[in-house]
C-alpha atoms as a PDB file:
ATOM      1  CA  MET A   1      92.391 -71.127-143.677  1.00  0.00           C
ATOM      2  CA  GLY A   2      91.216 -69.015-140.755  1.00  0.00           C
ATOM      3  CA  ARG A   3      88.731 -66.564-142.191  1.00  0.00           C
ATOM      4  CA  LEU A   4      85.267 -65.264-141.406  1.00  0.00           C
ATOM      5  CA  PHE A   5      82.909 -64.303-144.250  1.00  0.00           C
ATOM      6  CA  TYR A   6      84.630 -66.613-146.697  1.00  0.00           C
ATOM      7  CA  LYS A   7      84.671 -65.639-150.377  1.00  0.00           C
ATOM      8  CA  PRO A   8      86.431 -67.734-153.028  1.00  0.00           C
ATOM      9  CA  GLU A   9      89.085 -66.162-155.204  1.00  0.00           C
ATOM     10  CA  ASN A  10      87.586 -64.462-158.293  1.00  0.00           C
ATOM     11  CA  ALA A  11      84.080 -65.713-157.460  1.00  0.00           C
ATOM     12  CA  TRP A  12      81.218 -65.288-155.005  1.00  0.00           C
ATOM     13  CA  VAL A  13      79.237 -67.572-152.703  1.00  0.00           C
ATOM     14  CA  GLY A  14      75.655 -68.407-153.574  1.00  0.00           C
ATOM     15  CA  ASP A  15      73.242 -70.711-151.734  1.00  0.00           C
ATOM     16  CA  LEU A  16      74.808 -73.097-149.236  1.00  0.00           C
ATOM     17  CA  ILE A  17      73.911 -76.754-148.822  1.00  0.00           C
ATOM     18  CA  PRO A  18      75.171 -77.855-145.383  1.00  0.00           C
ATOM     19  CA  TYR A  19      75.716 -81.406-144.191  1.00  0.00           C
ATOM     20  CA  TYR A  20      77.167 -82.787-140.933  1.00  0.00           C
ATOM     21  CA  GLU A  21      78.991 -86.056-140.299  1.00  0.00           C
ATOM     22  CA  ASN A  22      81.546 -87.282-137.746  1.00  0.00           C
ATOM     23  CA  GLY A  23      82.585 -83.916-136.363  1.00  0.00           C
ATOM     24  CA  THR A  24      82.830 -82.137-139.696  1.00  0.00           C
ATOM     25  CA  TYR A  25      80.441 -79.647-141.266  1.00  0.00           C
ATOM     26  CA  TYR A  26      80.410 -79.814-145.047  1.00  0.00           C
ATOM     27  CA  GLY A  27      79.465 -76.517-146.648  1.00  0.00           C
ATOM     28  CA  PHE A  28      78.600 -77.076-150.268  1.00  0.00           C
ATOM     29  CA  TYR A  29      77.913 -73.773-151.984  1.00  0.00           C
ATOM     30  CA  LEU A  30      77.022 -72.368-155.404  1.00  0.00           C
ATOM     31  CA  HIS A  31      80.204 -70.994-156.905  1.00  0.00           C
ATOM     32  CA  ASP A  32      79.296 -67.913-158.973  1.00  0.00           C
ATOM     33  CA  PRO A  33      82.123 -66.610-161.196  1.00  0.00           C
ATOM     34  CA  ARG A  34      80.083 -63.593-162.375  1.00  0.00           C
ATOM     35  CA  ILE A  35      81.554 -63.812-165.822  1.00  0.00           C
ATOM     36  CA  ARG A  36      79.322 -61.038-167.239  1.00  0.00           C
ATOM     37  CA  ASP A  37      78.513 -57.655-165.730  1.00  0.00           C
ATOM     38  CA  LYS A  38      75.245 -57.590-163.760  1.00  0.00           C
ATOM     39  CA  GLU A  39      74.519 -61.238-164.578  1.00  0.00           C
ATOM     40  CA  TYR A  40      74.493 -63.673-161.679  1.00  0.00           C
ATOM     41  CA  ALA A  41      74.363 -67.443-161.155  1.00  0.00           C
ATOM     42  CA  GLU A  42      75.674 -68.226-164.632  1.00  0.00           C
ATOM     43  CA  ASP A  43      78.170 -71.071-165.177  1.00  0.00           C
ATOM     44  CA  THR A  44      77.442 -72.047-161.580  1.00  0.00           C
ATOM     45  CA  THR A  45      78.756 -75.249-160.021  1.00  0.00           C
ATOM     46  CA  TRP A  46      78.853 -76.801-156.547  1.00  0.00           C
ATOM     47  CA  HIS A  47      82.045 -76.214-154.580  1.00  0.00           C
ATOM     48  CA  LEU A  48      82.889 -77.442-151.084  1.00  0.00           C
ATOM     49  CA  ILE A  49      84.433 -76.171-147.883  1.00  0.00           C
ATOM     50  CA  GLU A  50      84.833 -78.239-144.714  1.00  0.00           C
ATOM     51  CA  THR A  51      85.039 -76.964-141.140  1.00  0.00           C
ATOM     52  CA  LYS A  52      84.953 -78.200-137.575  1.00  0.00           C
ATOM     53  CA  ASP A  53      84.767 -74.804-135.864  1.00  0.00           C
ATOM     54  CA  PHE A  54      83.341 -72.287-138.405  1.00  0.00           C
ATOM     55  CA  VAL A  55      86.605 -70.348-138.357  1.00  0.00           C
ATOM     56  CA  ASN A  56      89.125 -72.647-139.994  1.00  0.00           C
ATOM     57  CA  LEU A  57      87.782 -73.551-143.430  1.00  0.00           C
ATOM     58  CA  ASP A  58      89.314 -76.138-145.719  1.00  0.00           C
ATOM     59  CA  TYR A  59      88.482 -75.439-149.365  1.00  0.00           C
ATOM     60  CA  LYS A  60      88.090 -78.657-151.373  1.00  0.00           C
ATOM     61  CA  GLY A  61      87.338 -77.220-154.803  1.00  0.00           C
ATOM     62  CA  GLU A  62      84.584 -78.138-157.227  1.00  0.00           C
ATOM     63  CA  SER A  63      82.403 -81.005-156.035  1.00  0.00           C
ATOM     64  CA  ILE A  64      79.780 -81.272-158.792  1.00  0.00           C
ATOM     65  CA  ALA A  65      80.699 -80.309-162.339  1.00  0.00           C
ATOM     66  CA  ARG A  66      78.128 -78.666-164.566  1.00  0.00           C
ATOM     67  CA  GLY A  67      77.150 -80.000-167.975  1.00  0.00           C
ATOM     68  CA  GLY A  68      77.808 -78.633-171.452  1.00  0.00           C
ATOM     69  CA  ILE A  69      75.998 -75.835-173.262  1.00  0.00           C
ATOM     70  CA  HIS A  70      73.289 -78.205-174.488  1.00  0.00           C
ATOM     71  CA  ASP A  71      72.780 -80.121-171.227  1.00  0.00           C
ATOM     72  CA  ALA A  72      70.028 -79.576-168.682  1.00  0.00           C
ATOM     73  CA  ASN A  73      72.645 -78.901-165.996  1.00  0.00           C
ATOM     74  CA  LYS A  74      74.539 -76.123-167.739  1.00  0.00           C
ATOM     75  CA  ASN A  75      74.091 -74.504-164.332  1.00  0.00           C
ATOM     76  CA  ALA A  76      73.958 -76.505-161.099  1.00  0.00           C
ATOM     77  CA  TYR A  77      71.886 -74.871-158.369  1.00  0.00           C
ATOM     78  CA  THR A  78      70.619 -75.605-154.846  1.00  0.00           C
ATOM     79  CA  GLY A  79      69.710 -79.037-153.480  1.00  0.00           C
ATOM     80  CA  SER A  80      70.421 -81.368-150.578  1.00  0.00           C
ATOM     81  CA  VAL A  81      72.571 -84.298-149.446  1.00  0.00           C
ATOM     82  CA  ILE A  82      71.443 -87.614-147.985  1.00  0.00           C
ATOM     83  CA  LYS A  83      73.315 -90.839-147.247  1.00  0.00           C
ATOM     84  CA  CYS A  84      71.545 -94.051-148.198  1.00  0.00           C
ATOM     85  CA  GLU A  85      72.078 -96.951-145.787  1.00  0.00           C
ATOM     86  CA  LYS A  86      71.203 -99.571-148.410  1.00  0.00           C
ATOM     87  CA  ASP A  87      73.913 -98.745-150.936  1.00  0.00           C
ATOM     88  CA  GLY A  88      76.274 -96.796-148.665  1.00  0.00           C
ATOM     89  CA  LEU A  89      76.382 -93.909-151.130  1.00  0.00           C
ATOM     90  CA  TYR A  90      75.833 -90.202-150.705  1.00  0.00           C
ATOM     91  CA  HIS A  91      72.983 -89.021-152.894  1.00  0.00           C
ATOM     92  CA  VAL A  92      72.931 -85.365-153.846  1.00  0.00           C
ATOM     93  CA  PHE A  93      69.852 -83.903-155.493  1.00  0.00           C
ATOM     94  CA  TYR A  94      70.349 -80.538-157.155  1.00  0.00           C
ATOM     95  CA  THR A  95      68.611 -78.074-159.447  1.00  0.00           C
ATOM     96  CA  ALA A  96      69.619 -78.106-163.102  1.00  0.00           C
ATOM     97  CA  TYR A  97      68.957 -75.146-165.375  1.00  0.00           C
ATOM     98  CA  ASN A  98      69.715 -74.206-168.946  1.00  0.00           C
ATOM     99  CA  GLU A  99      67.535 -71.600-170.633  1.00  0.00           C
ATOM    100  CA  ASP A 100      68.065 -73.378-173.944  1.00  0.00           C
ATOM    101  CA  PHE A 101      67.032 -76.801-172.616  1.00  0.00           C
ATOM    102  CA  LYS A 102      63.291 -77.128-173.238  1.00  0.00           C
ATOM    103  CA  LEU A 103      60.599 -79.682-172.519  1.00  0.00           C
ATOM    104  CA  ARG A 104      57.217 -79.592-174.197  1.00  0.00           C
ATOM    105  CA  GLY A 105      58.378 -76.357-175.817  1.00  0.00           C
ATOM    106  CA  LYS A 106      59.047 -74.649-172.485  1.00  0.00           C
ATOM    107  CA  THR A 107      62.210 -73.645-170.662  1.00  0.00           C
ATOM    108  CA  ILE A 108      62.237 -75.652-167.440  1.00  0.00           C
ATOM    109  CA  GLN A 109      64.039 -76.220-164.194  1.00  0.00           C
ATOM    110  CA  SER A 110      64.711 -79.849-163.314  1.00  0.00           C
ATOM    111  CA  VAL A 111      66.207 -82.032-160.607  1.00  0.00           C
ATOM    112  CA  MET A 112      69.324 -84.088-161.230  1.00  0.00           C
ATOM    113  CA  GLN A 113      71.199 -86.463-158.954  1.00  0.00           C
ATOM    114  CA  ALA A 114      74.875 -87.008-158.163  1.00  0.00           C
ATOM    115  CA  THR A 115      76.250 -89.888-156.106  1.00  0.00           C
ATOM    116  CA  GLY A 116      79.534 -90.952-154.574  1.00  0.00           C
ATOM    117  CA  LYS A 117      81.220 -92.930-151.827  1.00  0.00           C
ATOM    118  CA  SER A 118      82.818 -89.702-150.622  1.00  0.00           C
ATOM    119  CA  LEU A 119      81.386 -86.211-150.332  1.00  0.00           C
ATOM    120  CA  GLU A 120      84.499 -84.934-152.068  1.00  0.00           C
ATOM    121  CA  ASN A 121      83.935 -87.143-155.124  1.00  0.00           C
ATOM    122  CA  LEU A 122      80.464 -86.881-156.596  1.00  0.00           C
ATOM    123  CA  GLU A 123      79.368 -87.665-160.141  1.00  0.00           C
ATOM    124  CA  THR A 124      76.076 -86.819-161.798  1.00  0.00           C
ATOM    125  CA  VAL A 125      73.826 -89.762-162.661  1.00  0.00           C
ATOM    126  CA  LYS A 126      73.496 -89.266-166.400  1.00  0.00           C
ATOM    127  CA  ASP A 127      70.087 -90.861-166.896  1.00  0.00           C
ATOM    128  CA  PHE A 128      68.342 -89.200-163.930  1.00  0.00           C
ATOM    129  CA  LEU A 129      66.234 -86.151-164.793  1.00  0.00           C
ATOM    130  CA  PHE A 130      63.169 -85.349-162.696  1.00  0.00           C
ATOM    131  CA  VAL A 131      60.840 -82.626-163.967  1.00  0.00           C
ATOM    132  CA  SER A 132      57.505 -81.172-162.924  1.00  0.00           C
ATOM    133  CA  ASP A 133      54.320 -82.915-163.993  1.00  0.00           C
ATOM    134  CA  GLY A 134      53.162 -79.704-165.698  1.00  0.00           C
ATOM    135  CA  LYS A 135      49.664 -80.318-164.355  1.00  0.00           C
ATOM    136  CA  GLN A 136      49.613 -79.722-160.626  1.00  0.00           C
ATOM    137  CA  TYR A 137      52.950 -77.891-160.623  1.00  0.00           C
ATOM    138  CA  GLU A 138      54.392 -75.413-163.121  1.00  0.00           C
ATOM    139  CA  GLU A 139      57.398 -76.514-165.188  1.00  0.00           C
ATOM    140  CA  PHE A 140      59.690 -73.543-164.685  1.00  0.00           C
ATOM    141  CA  ASP A 141      59.740 -73.235-160.887  1.00  0.00           C
ATOM    142  CA  TRP A 142      60.894 -76.715-159.907  1.00  0.00           C
ATOM    143  CA  ARG A 143      64.005 -76.340-157.828  1.00  0.00           C
ATOM    144  CA  ASP A 144      65.939 -76.625-154.549  1.00  0.00           C
ATOM    145  CA  PRO A 145      65.086 -80.270-153.726  1.00  0.00           C
ATOM    146  CA  PHE A 146      65.319 -81.200-150.048  1.00  0.00           C
ATOM    147  CA  VAL A 147      65.308 -84.996-149.650  1.00  0.00           C
ATOM    148  CA  PHE A 148      64.898 -86.877-146.370  1.00  0.00           C
ATOM    149  CA  TRP A 149      63.680 -90.232-145.056  1.00  0.00           C
ATOM    150  CA  ASN A 150      60.218 -90.128-143.467  1.00  0.00           C
ATOM    151  CA  ASP A 151      60.018 -92.795-140.750  1.00  0.00           C
ATOM    152  CA  GLU A 152      56.259 -92.560-140.399  1.00  0.00           C
ATOM    153  CA  ASP A 153      55.574 -92.965-144.116  1.00  0.00           C
ATOM    154  CA  GLN A 154      58.543 -95.338-144.663  1.00  0.00           C
ATOM    155  CA  CYS A 155      59.694 -93.643-147.839  1.00  0.00           C
ATOM    156  CA  TYR A 156      61.791 -90.730-149.046  1.00  0.00           C
ATOM    157  CA  TYR A 157      60.263 -87.281-149.264  1.00  0.00           C
ATOM    158  CA  MET A 158      61.389 -84.531-151.630  1.00  0.00           C
ATOM    159  CA  LEU A 159      60.335 -80.956-150.899  1.00  0.00           C
ATOM    160  CA  LEU A 160      60.738 -78.470-153.737  1.00  0.00           C
ATOM    161  CA  ALA A 161      60.309 -74.768-154.419  1.00  0.00           C
ATOM    162  CA  SER A 162      57.459 -74.779-156.896  1.00  0.00           C
ATOM    163  CA  ARG A 163      54.277 -73.068-158.026  1.00  0.00           C
ATOM    164  CA  VAL A 164      50.707 -74.277-158.353  1.00  0.00           C
ATOM    165  CA  THR A 165      49.512 -74.031-161.954  1.00  0.00           C
ATOM    166  CA  ASN A 166      47.059 -71.296-162.937  1.00  0.00           C
ATOM    167  CA  ARG A 167      47.369 -69.601-159.542  1.00  0.00           C
ATOM    168  CA  GLY A 168      48.663 -66.235-160.774  1.00  0.00           C
ATOM    169  CA  ASP A 169      52.043 -64.550-160.589  1.00  0.00           C
ATOM    170  CA  LEU A 170      52.144 -63.231-157.026  1.00  0.00           C
ATOM    171  CA  ARG A 171      50.689 -65.909-154.736  1.00  0.00           C
ATOM    172  CA  GLY A 172      51.235 -69.198-156.564  1.00  0.00           C
ATOM    173  CA  GLY A 173      54.305 -70.276-154.624  1.00  0.00           C
ATOM    174  CA  CYS A 174      54.173 -73.553-152.707  1.00  0.00           C
ATOM    175  CA  ILE A 175      56.449 -76.231-151.324  1.00  0.00           C
ATOM    176  CA  ALA A 176      55.793 -79.243-153.523  1.00  0.00           C
ATOM    177  CA  LEU A 177      55.977 -82.830-152.270  1.00  0.00           C
ATOM    178  CA  CYS A 178      57.171 -85.934-154.092  1.00  0.00           C
ATOM    179  CA  LYS A 179      57.729 -89.438-152.704  1.00  0.00           C
ATOM    180  CA  SER A 180      60.042 -92.344-153.521  1.00  0.00           C
ATOM    181  CA  GLU A 181      61.038 -95.744-152.186  1.00  0.00           C
ATOM    182  CA  ASP A 182      64.331 -95.987-154.085  1.00  0.00           C
ATOM    183  CA  LEU A 183      65.550 -92.400-154.719  1.00  0.00           C
ATOM    184  CA  ILE A 184      65.042 -92.996-158.438  1.00  0.00           C
ATOM    185  CA  ASN A 185      61.304 -93.199-159.107  1.00  0.00           C
ATOM    186  CA  TRP A 186      59.223 -90.342-157.678  1.00  0.00           C
ATOM    187  CA  THR A 187      55.505 -89.692-157.451  1.00  0.00           C
ATOM    188  CA  TYR A 188      53.812 -86.279-157.440  1.00  0.00           C
ATOM    189  CA  GLU A 189      51.801 -85.524-154.313  1.00  0.00           C
ATOM    190  CA  LYS A 190      49.717 -82.616-153.062  1.00  0.00           C
ATOM    191  CA  PRO A 191      51.738 -79.574-151.877  1.00  0.00           C
ATOM    192  CA  PHE A 192      53.438 -80.010-148.520  1.00  0.00           C
ATOM    193  CA  TYR A 193      52.828 -76.341-147.695  1.00  0.00           C
ATOM    194  CA  ASP A 194      50.660 -73.977-149.721  1.00  0.00           C
ATOM    195  CA  PRO A 195      50.011 -70.692-147.862  1.00  0.00           C
ATOM    196  CA  LYS A 196      49.084 -68.653-150.986  1.00  0.00           C
ATOM    197  CA  MET A 197      51.378 -65.855-149.813  1.00  0.00           C
ATOM    198  CA  TYR A 198      54.499 -65.803-152.000  1.00  0.00           C
ATOM    199  CA  ILE A 199      55.802 -65.845-155.565  1.00  0.00           C
ATOM    200  CA  THR A 200      57.940 -68.862-154.712  1.00  0.00           C
ATOM    201  CA  MET A 201      59.380 -70.382-151.538  1.00  0.00           C
ATOM    202  CA  GLU A 202      63.027 -71.166-152.172  1.00  0.00           C
ATOM    203  CA  CYS A 203      65.448 -73.507-150.402  1.00  0.00           C
ATOM    204  CA  PRO A 204      62.868 -75.439-148.333  1.00  0.00           C
ATOM    205  CA  GLU A 205      64.084 -77.444-145.351  1.00  0.00           C
ATOM    206  CA  LEU A 206      62.426 -79.448-142.575  1.00  0.00           C
ATOM    207  CA  PHE A 207      64.015 -80.324-139.238  1.00  0.00           C
ATOM    208  CA  LYS A 208      63.145 -81.155-135.626  1.00  0.00           C
ATOM    209  CA  MET A 209      64.611 -79.385-132.619  1.00  0.00           C
ATOM    210  CA  GLY A 210      63.476 -80.471-129.172  1.00  0.00           C
ATOM    211  CA  GLU A 211      59.701 -80.930-129.198  1.00  0.00           C
ATOM    212  CA  TYR A 212      59.140 -78.787-132.279  1.00  0.00           C
ATOM    213  CA  TRP A 213      59.332 -79.206-136.030  1.00  0.00           C
ATOM    214  CA  TYR A 214      60.454 -76.366-138.278  1.00  0.00           C
ATOM    215  CA  LEU A 215      59.769 -75.632-141.926  1.00  0.00           C
ATOM    216  CA  VAL A 216      62.270 -73.169-143.385  1.00  0.00           C
ATOM    217  CA  PHE A 217      62.123 -71.352-146.728  1.00  0.00           C
ATOM    218  CA  SER A 218      63.356 -68.154-148.376  1.00  0.00           C
ATOM    219  CA  THR A 219      61.322 -65.613-150.343  1.00  0.00           C
ATOM    220  CA  PHE A 220      61.719 -62.610-152.587  1.00  0.00           C
ATOM    221  CA  SER A 221      58.027 -61.657-152.759  1.00  0.00           C
ATOM    222  CA  ASP A 222      57.969 -58.726-150.351  1.00  0.00           C
ATOM    223  CA  GLN A 223      61.537 -58.878-149.119  1.00  0.00           C
ATOM    224  CA  PHE A 224      64.545 -61.124-149.565  1.00  0.00           C
ATOM    225  CA  THR A 225      64.636 -63.087-146.343  1.00  0.00           C
ATOM    226  CA  THR A 226      64.492 -66.546-144.776  1.00  0.00           C
ATOM    227  CA  HIS A 227      61.296 -67.503-142.911  1.00  0.00           C
ATOM    228  CA  TYR A 228      60.395 -70.361-140.610  1.00  0.00           C
ATOM    229  CA  ARG A 229      57.205 -72.030-139.401  1.00  0.00           C
ATOM    230  CA  ILE A 230      56.585 -74.040-136.200  1.00  0.00           C
ATOM    231  CA  SER A 231      54.573 -77.191-135.482  1.00  0.00           C
ATOM    232  CA  LYS A 232      54.427 -80.050-133.006  1.00  0.00           C
ATOM    233  CA  ASN A 233      54.083 -82.435-135.978  1.00  0.00           C
ATOM    234  CA  TRP A 234      56.272 -82.947-139.043  1.00  0.00           C
ATOM    235  CA  ASN A 235      53.330 -82.322-141.380  1.00  0.00           C
ATOM    236  CA  GLY A 236      51.797 -79.324-139.607  1.00  0.00           C
ATOM    237  CA  PRO A 237      49.588 -77.460-139.102  1.00  0.00           C
ATOM    238  CA  TRP A 238      52.184 -74.705-139.315  1.00  0.00           C
ATOM    239  CA  GLU A 239      52.145 -71.644-137.088  1.00  0.00           C
ATOM    240  CA  ILE A 240      53.708 -68.327-138.053  1.00  0.00           C
ATOM    241  CA  PRO A 241      55.656 -66.827-135.124  1.00  0.00           C
ATOM    242  CA  ASP A 242      55.464 -63.095-134.462  1.00  0.00           C
ATOM    243  CA  ASP A 243      58.989 -62.697-135.800  1.00  0.00           C
ATOM    244  CA  ASP A 244      59.245 -65.378-138.467  1.00  0.00           C
ATOM    245  CA  VAL A 245      62.584 -64.440-140.050  1.00  0.00           C
ATOM    246  CA  PHE A 246      66.122 -65.489-139.147  1.00  0.00           C
ATOM    247  CA  ASP A 247      67.995 -62.364-140.196  1.00  0.00           C
ATOM    248  CA  THR A 248      67.918 -59.245-142.365  1.00  0.00           C
ATOM    249  CA  ARG A 249      67.733 -58.689-146.113  1.00  0.00           C
ATOM    250  CA  ALA A 250      71.504 -59.046-146.337  1.00  0.00           C
ATOM    251  CA  ASP A 251      71.584 -62.701-145.166  1.00  0.00           C
ATOM    252  CA  TYR A 252      69.670 -64.879-147.630  1.00  0.00           C
ATOM    253  CA  ALA A 253      68.874 -68.507-148.448  1.00  0.00           C
ATOM    254  CA  ILE A 254      69.669 -69.830-144.976  1.00  0.00           C
ATOM    255  CA  LYS A 255      69.807 -73.610-144.554  1.00  0.00           C
ATOM    256  CA  THR A 256      70.881 -75.513-141.457  1.00  0.00           C
ATOM    257  CA  ALA A 257      72.847 -78.497-140.167  1.00  0.00           C
ATOM    258  CA  SER A 258      73.128 -80.075-136.728  1.00  0.00           C
ATOM    259  CA  ASP A 259      75.475 -82.368-134.837  1.00  0.00           C
ATOM    260  CA  GLY A 260      72.514 -83.630-132.806  1.00  0.00           C
ATOM    261  CA  LYS A 261      73.073 -81.127-130.010  1.00  0.00           C
ATOM    262  CA  ARG A 262      73.479 -77.741-131.659  1.00  0.00           C
ATOM    263  CA  ARG A 263      72.148 -76.414-134.950  1.00  0.00           C
ATOM    264  CA  PHE A 264      73.860 -73.888-137.196  1.00  0.00           C
ATOM    265  CA  ALA A 265      72.611 -71.628-139.974  1.00  0.00           C
ATOM    266  CA  PHE A 266      74.521 -71.355-143.262  1.00  0.00           C
ATOM    267  CA  GLY A 267      73.769 -68.341-145.457  1.00  0.00           C
ATOM    268  CA  TRP A 268      75.357 -65.689-147.649  1.00  0.00           C
ATOM    269  CA  ILE A 269      75.778 -61.966-147.047  1.00  0.00           C
ATOM    270  CA  ALA A 270      74.826 -60.233-150.273  1.00  0.00           C
ATOM    271  CA  SER A 271      77.328 -57.994-152.001  1.00  0.00           C
ATOM    272  CA  LYS A 272      76.358 -54.654-153.515  1.00  0.00           C
ATOM    273  CA  TYR A 273      77.103 -53.533-157.050  1.00  0.00           C
ATOM    274  CA  GLY A 274      80.239 -51.455-157.318  1.00  0.00           C
ATOM    275  CA  ASN A 275      81.350 -52.645-153.882  1.00  0.00           C
ATOM    276  CA  THR A 276      79.684 -49.633-152.289  1.00  0.00           C
ATOM    277  CA  ASP A 277      77.003 -49.266-149.611  1.00  0.00           C
ATOM    278  CA  PHE A 278      74.917 -47.250-152.080  1.00  0.00           C
ATOM    279  CA  GLY A 279      74.929 -49.869-154.811  1.00  0.00           C
ATOM    280  CA  PRO A 280      71.967 -52.207-155.453  1.00  0.00           C
ATOM    281  CA  TRP A 281      71.911 -55.625-153.804  1.00  0.00           C
ATOM    282  CA  GLU A 282      73.407 -58.483-155.810  1.00  0.00           C
ATOM    283  CA  TRP A 283      72.787 -62.243-155.832  1.00  0.00           C
ATOM    284  CA  GLY A 284      75.525 -63.999-153.887  1.00  0.00           C
ATOM    285  CA  GLY A 285      78.300 -62.619-151.732  1.00  0.00           C
ATOM    286  CA  THR A 286      80.241 -63.992-148.772  1.00  0.00           C
ATOM    287  CA  MET A 287      79.686 -67.060-146.606  1.00  0.00           C
ATOM    288  CA  ASN A 288      78.096 -66.570-143.198  1.00  0.00           C
ATOM    289  CA  PHE A 289      77.444 -68.790-140.150  1.00  0.00           C
ATOM    290  CA  HIS A 290      75.187 -68.392-137.096  1.00  0.00           C
ATOM    291  CA  GLU A 291      74.041 -70.645-134.281  1.00  0.00           C
ATOM    292  CA  ILE A 292      70.298 -71.209-133.941  1.00  0.00           C
ATOM    293  CA  ILE A 293      68.921 -70.749-130.423  1.00  0.00           C
ATOM    294  CA  GLN A 294      65.506 -72.114-129.425  1.00  0.00           C
ATOM    295  CA  ASN A 295      63.016 -70.824-126.887  1.00  0.00           C
ATOM    296  CA  SER A 296      61.899 -74.179-125.463  1.00  0.00           C
ATOM    297  CA  LYS A 297      58.671 -72.692-124.078  1.00  0.00           C
ATOM    298  CA  ASN A 298      57.125 -71.588-127.363  1.00  0.00           C
ATOM    299  CA  GLY A 299      59.509 -72.997-129.972  1.00  0.00           C
ATOM    300  CA  GLU A 300      60.537 -69.627-131.378  1.00  0.00           C
ATOM    301  CA  LEU A 301      64.029 -69.353-132.841  1.00  0.00           C
ATOM    302  CA  ARG A 302      66.696 -66.703-133.051  1.00  0.00           C
ATOM    303  CA  ILE A 303      70.235 -66.673-134.363  1.00  0.00           C
ATOM    304  CA  GLN A 304      73.414 -65.549-132.703  1.00  0.00           C
ATOM    305  CA  THR A 305      77.084 -65.412-133.576  1.00  0.00           C
ATOM    306  CA  VAL A 306      78.996 -68.669-133.283  1.00  0.00           C
ATOM    307  CA  ASP A 307      80.701 -67.987-129.963  1.00  0.00           C
ATOM    308  CA  LYS A 308      82.258 -71.358-129.277  1.00  0.00           C
ATOM    309  CA  VAL A 309      82.290 -74.620-131.169  1.00  0.00           C
ATOM    310  CA  LEU A 310      84.207 -77.664-129.951  1.00  0.00           C
ATOM    311  CA  GLY A 311      86.147 -75.540-127.490  1.00  0.00           C
ATOM    312  CA  ILE A 312      87.566 -73.184-130.128  1.00  0.00           C
ATOM    313  CA  LEU A 313      86.928 -69.450-129.786  1.00  0.00           C
ATOM    314  CA  PRO A 314      86.429 -67.611-133.090  1.00  0.00           C
ATOM    315  CA  ARG A 315      88.718 -64.766-133.982  1.00  0.00           C
ATOM    316  CA  ILE A 316      88.900 -62.611-137.078  1.00  0.00           C
ATOM    317  CA  PHE A 317      91.818 -63.231-139.418  1.00  0.00           C
ATOM    318  CA  LEU A 318      92.814 -60.276-141.579  1.00  0.00           C
END
């Protein structure tokens, strides 16, 4: 379908989880049916669109099913996709949440894993459930896993939106770090980034562009927006640019994907209650794409409209 600002029928787009391979961008997203008034991200599953040009989108349907009313993954939230060379499988790590699923007497968020030979056919690994240690990191905020292979450390890294225990409500947010050699067994490490500035730091992502590394995360502490940090090294120290946000309040939870030459931002434009400009902001909305442009002199980033991808000029379809 040719359509900008994609919105599924009878549902809304939540956080996107982009992935690129062989000329195709895979846009996994949280499919929010909004089954109850003023309640968001309930009965949420992963759905998938595919595109080569960010105009023509091919909707593939549900990609990760949620669990039952008693399962940890009653709702399936944000995560990441990685392909393992050893087993040839795609490994998807995602946030599982069910307010009635408790551990040590507490409602928790947890990480679950789905695998498959194809990105269009993924099944949850039933015996994989990765939770916070409850010592260094709080149990409830344990979400949005971003998994990647670290060449220098020769193991997998998992970055998570988390909170340091006993830090307080407003400035306890951190990006937690866990490590693994097999994508199954994970160790708890010291926080990857702990600026003591935010409630939490959602949807973390790490990538390199030119000579610079970038750490991306989204916050709702002072404003709903996506921030980025710059470094010449993958592990920092991290500098805060003068303008450290990608876009406005309306475009949230931005994550990125690259074909090795160009990098694109995937986010959602928030809807407003009552479908009016004067209504309060809501969680979720319509799908949105931008291209990320780098200033090679200082590493600072900005976003612009996707003017031309693979020789195809975008046009609005009504």
